[in-house]
Amino acid sequence: MRSEKTPFYGGPLDGRVLAVLVGPTGHPPKWYEVPVPAAEGGPPTVYTYRREPAGHTRRLGLQTGWKYEYAPEGRERRTLKWPWSKPNGAP
């Protein structure tokens, strides 16, 4: 499997660069979750990071890579929006 060195910003991993596995398209996952076990054996704390573009080239505006930003609110849950579905408020 191929990996890519990816920087992390914010949260407990601030300033670290970790090797993150990339998928078949060559992109790292959109969300990176780091479980940290609790000291007393309770439920682990999960720190969540969201993938963001690292920057763009000056001349052509091509993306130069990815970075992970800390998301303290956690992973956002999305629902599928089918064109034939009714809105939530409609009967």
C-alpha atoms as a PDB file:
ATOM      1  CA  MET A   1       0.000   0.000   0.000  1.00  0.00           C
ATOM      2  CA  ARG A   2       1.155   3.505  -0.764  1.00  0.00           C
ATOM      3  CA  SER A   3       1.341   6.251   1.836  1.00  0.00           C
ATOM      4  CA  GLU A   4       1.821  10.009   1.752  1.00  0.00           C
ATOM      5  CA  LYS A   5       3.450  12.259   4.369  1.00  0.00           C
ATOM      6  CA  THR A   6       0.624  14.546   5.533  1.00  0.00           C
ATOM      7  CA  PRO A   7       0.916  17.484   7.994  1.00  0.00           C
ATOM      8  CA  PHE A   8      -1.593  17.940  10.838  1.00  0.00           C
ATOM      9  CA  TYR A   9      -2.739  21.355  12.138  1.00  0.00           C
ATOM     10  CA  GLY A  10      -4.479  22.020  15.451  1.00  0.00           C
ATOM     11  CA  GLY A  11      -5.471  19.633  18.221  1.00  0.00           C
ATOM     12  CA  PRO A  12      -3.145  17.132  19.877  1.00  0.00           C
ATOM     13  CA  LEU A  13      -1.260  16.279  16.653  1.00  0.00           C
ATOM     14  CA  ASP A  14      -0.419  19.916  15.821  1.00  0.00           C
ATOM     15  CA  GLY A  15       2.832  20.220  13.879  1.00  0.00           C
ATOM     16  CA  ARG A  16       3.284  16.498  13.274  1.00  0.00           C
ATOM     17  CA  VAL A  17       3.720  14.905   9.865  1.00  0.00           C
ATOM     18  CA  LEU A  18       2.421  11.342   9.615  1.00  0.00           C
ATOM     19  CA  ALA A  19       2.446   8.817   6.796  1.00  0.00           C
ATOM     20  CA  VAL A  20      -1.225   8.347   5.847  1.00  0.00           C
ATOM     21  CA  LEU A  21      -2.334   5.531   3.553  1.00  0.00           C
ATOM     22  CA  VAL A  22      -3.839   6.720   0.271  1.00  0.00           C
ATOM     23  CA  GLY A  23      -6.659   5.067  -1.621  1.00  0.00           C
ATOM     24  CA  PRO A  24      -6.758   3.828  -5.220  1.00  0.00           C
ATOM     25  CA  THR A  25      -7.233   7.414  -6.475  1.00  0.00           C
ATOM     26  CA  GLY A  26      -4.103   8.628  -4.665  1.00  0.00           C
ATOM     27  CA  HIS A  27      -6.026  10.719  -2.107  1.00  0.00           C
ATOM     28  CA  PRO A  28      -5.883  10.267   1.676  1.00  0.00           C
ATOM     29  CA  PRO A  29      -9.234   9.719   3.460  1.00  0.00           C
ATOM     30  CA  LYS A  30     -11.513  12.759   3.966  1.00  0.00           C
ATOM     31  CA  TRP A  31     -11.582  12.203   7.735  1.00  0.00           C
ATOM     32  CA  TYR A  32      -8.787  10.957   9.991  1.00  0.00           C
ATOM     33  CA  GLU A  33      -9.782   9.791  13.466  1.00  0.00           C
ATOM     34  CA  VAL A  34      -7.302   9.197  16.307  1.00  0.00           C
ATOM     35  CA  PRO A  35      -8.685   7.159  19.239  1.00  0.00           C
ATOM     36  CA  VAL A  36      -6.941   7.814  22.567  1.00  0.00           C
ATOM     37  CA  PRO A  37      -7.692   5.298  25.343  1.00  0.00           C
ATOM     38  CA  ALA A  38      -8.967   6.630  28.669  1.00  0.00           C
ATOM     39  CA  ALA A  39      -6.791   6.251  31.770  1.00  0.00           C
ATOM     40  CA  GLU A  40      -9.431   4.413  33.859  1.00  0.00           C
ATOM     41  CA  GLY A  41     -10.531   2.034  31.103  1.00  0.00           C
ATOM     42  CA  GLY A  42     -13.541   4.143  30.101  1.00  0.00           C
ATOM     43  CA  PRO A  43     -14.589   4.960  26.545  1.00  0.00           C
ATOM     44  CA  PRO A  44     -11.739   6.279  24.394  1.00  0.00           C
ATOM     45  CA  THR A  45     -11.560   9.920  23.322  1.00  0.00           C
ATOM     46  CA  VAL A  46     -11.607  10.317  19.536  1.00  0.00           C
ATOM     47  CA  TYR A  47      -9.844  13.302  17.943  1.00  0.00           C
ATOM     48  CA  THR A  48     -11.096  14.071  14.443  1.00  0.00           C
ATOM     49  CA  TYR A  49      -9.258  15.750  11.563  1.00  0.00           C
ATOM     50  CA  ARG A  50     -10.756  16.942   8.254  1.00  0.00           C
ATOM     51  CA  ARG A  51      -8.785  16.811   4.976  1.00  0.00           C
ATOM     52  CA  GLU A  52      -8.153  20.217   3.380  1.00  0.00           C
ATOM     53  CA  PRO A  53      -6.118  21.315   0.336  1.00  0.00           C
ATOM     54  CA  ALA A  54      -2.562  22.213   1.403  1.00  0.00           C
ATOM     55  CA  GLY A  55      -2.151  24.945  -1.201  1.00  0.00           C
ATOM     56  CA  HIS A  56      -2.099  25.783  -4.881  1.00  0.00           C
ATOM     57  CA  THR A  57       0.633  26.516  -7.384  1.00  0.00           C
ATOM     58  CA  ARG A  58       1.118  30.121  -8.343  1.00  0.00           C
ATOM     59  CA  ARG A  59       0.942  29.876 -12.104  1.00  0.00           C
ATOM     60  CA  LEU A  60      -1.694  27.266 -12.955  1.00  0.00           C
ATOM     61  CA  GLY A  61      -3.545  27.053  -9.647  1.00  0.00           C
ATOM     62  CA  LEU A  62      -2.990  23.297  -9.335  1.00  0.00           C
ATOM     63  CA  GLN A  63      -3.387  21.746  -5.915  1.00  0.00           C
ATOM     64  CA  THR A  64      -0.071  20.886  -4.248  1.00  0.00           C
ATOM     65  CA  GLY A  65      -1.263  18.291  -1.746  1.00  0.00           C
ATOM     66  CA  TRP A  66      -3.369  17.726   1.359  1.00  0.00           C
ATOM     67  CA  LYS A  67      -3.255  18.639   5.037  1.00  0.00           C
ATOM     68  CA  TYR A  68      -5.463  17.721   7.992  1.00  0.00           C
ATOM     69  CA  GLU A  69      -7.205  20.404  10.094  1.00  0.00           C
ATOM     70  CA  TYR A  70      -8.488  19.619  13.594  1.00  0.00           C
ATOM     71  CA  ALA A  71     -12.293  19.446  13.815  1.00  0.00           C
ATOM     72  CA  PRO A  72     -13.268  19.805  17.520  1.00  0.00           C
ATOM     73  CA  GLU A  73     -16.990  19.380  16.713  1.00  0.00           C
ATOM     74  CA  GLY A  74     -16.312  15.869  15.404  1.00  0.00           C
ATOM     75  CA  ARG A  75     -17.194  14.215  12.152  1.00  0.00           C
ATOM     76  CA  GLU A  76     -20.184  15.706  10.370  1.00  0.00           C
ATOM     77  CA  ARG A  77     -22.869  13.242   9.410  1.00  0.00           C
ATOM     78  CA  ARG A  78     -24.362  13.648   5.982  1.00  0.00           C
ATOM     79  CA  THR A  79     -27.575  12.167   4.668  1.00  0.00           C
ATOM     80  CA  LEU A  80     -28.261  11.175   1.100  1.00  0.00           C
ATOM     81  CA  LYS A  81     -30.373  13.635  -0.842  1.00  0.00           C
ATOM     82  CA  TRP A  82     -32.270  11.849  -3.552  1.00  0.00           C
ATOM     83  CA  PRO A  83     -34.046  13.989  -6.154  1.00  0.00           C
ATOM     84  CA  TRP A  84     -37.349  12.182  -5.567  1.00  0.00           C
ATOM     85  CA  SER A  85     -37.299  12.546  -1.763  1.00  0.00           C
ATOM     86  CA  LYS A  86     -39.543  15.016   0.008  1.00  0.00           C
ATOM     87  CA  PRO A  87     -38.038  17.716   2.236  1.00  0.00           C
ATOM     88  CA  ASN A  88     -38.173  17.017   5.990  1.00  0.00           C
ATOM     89  CA  GLY A  89     -40.967  19.560   6.606  1.00  0.00           C
ATOM     90  CA  ALA A  90     -43.257  18.447   3.745  1.00  0.00           C
ATOM     91  CA  PRO A  91     -46.089  15.944   4.439  1.00  0.00           C
END
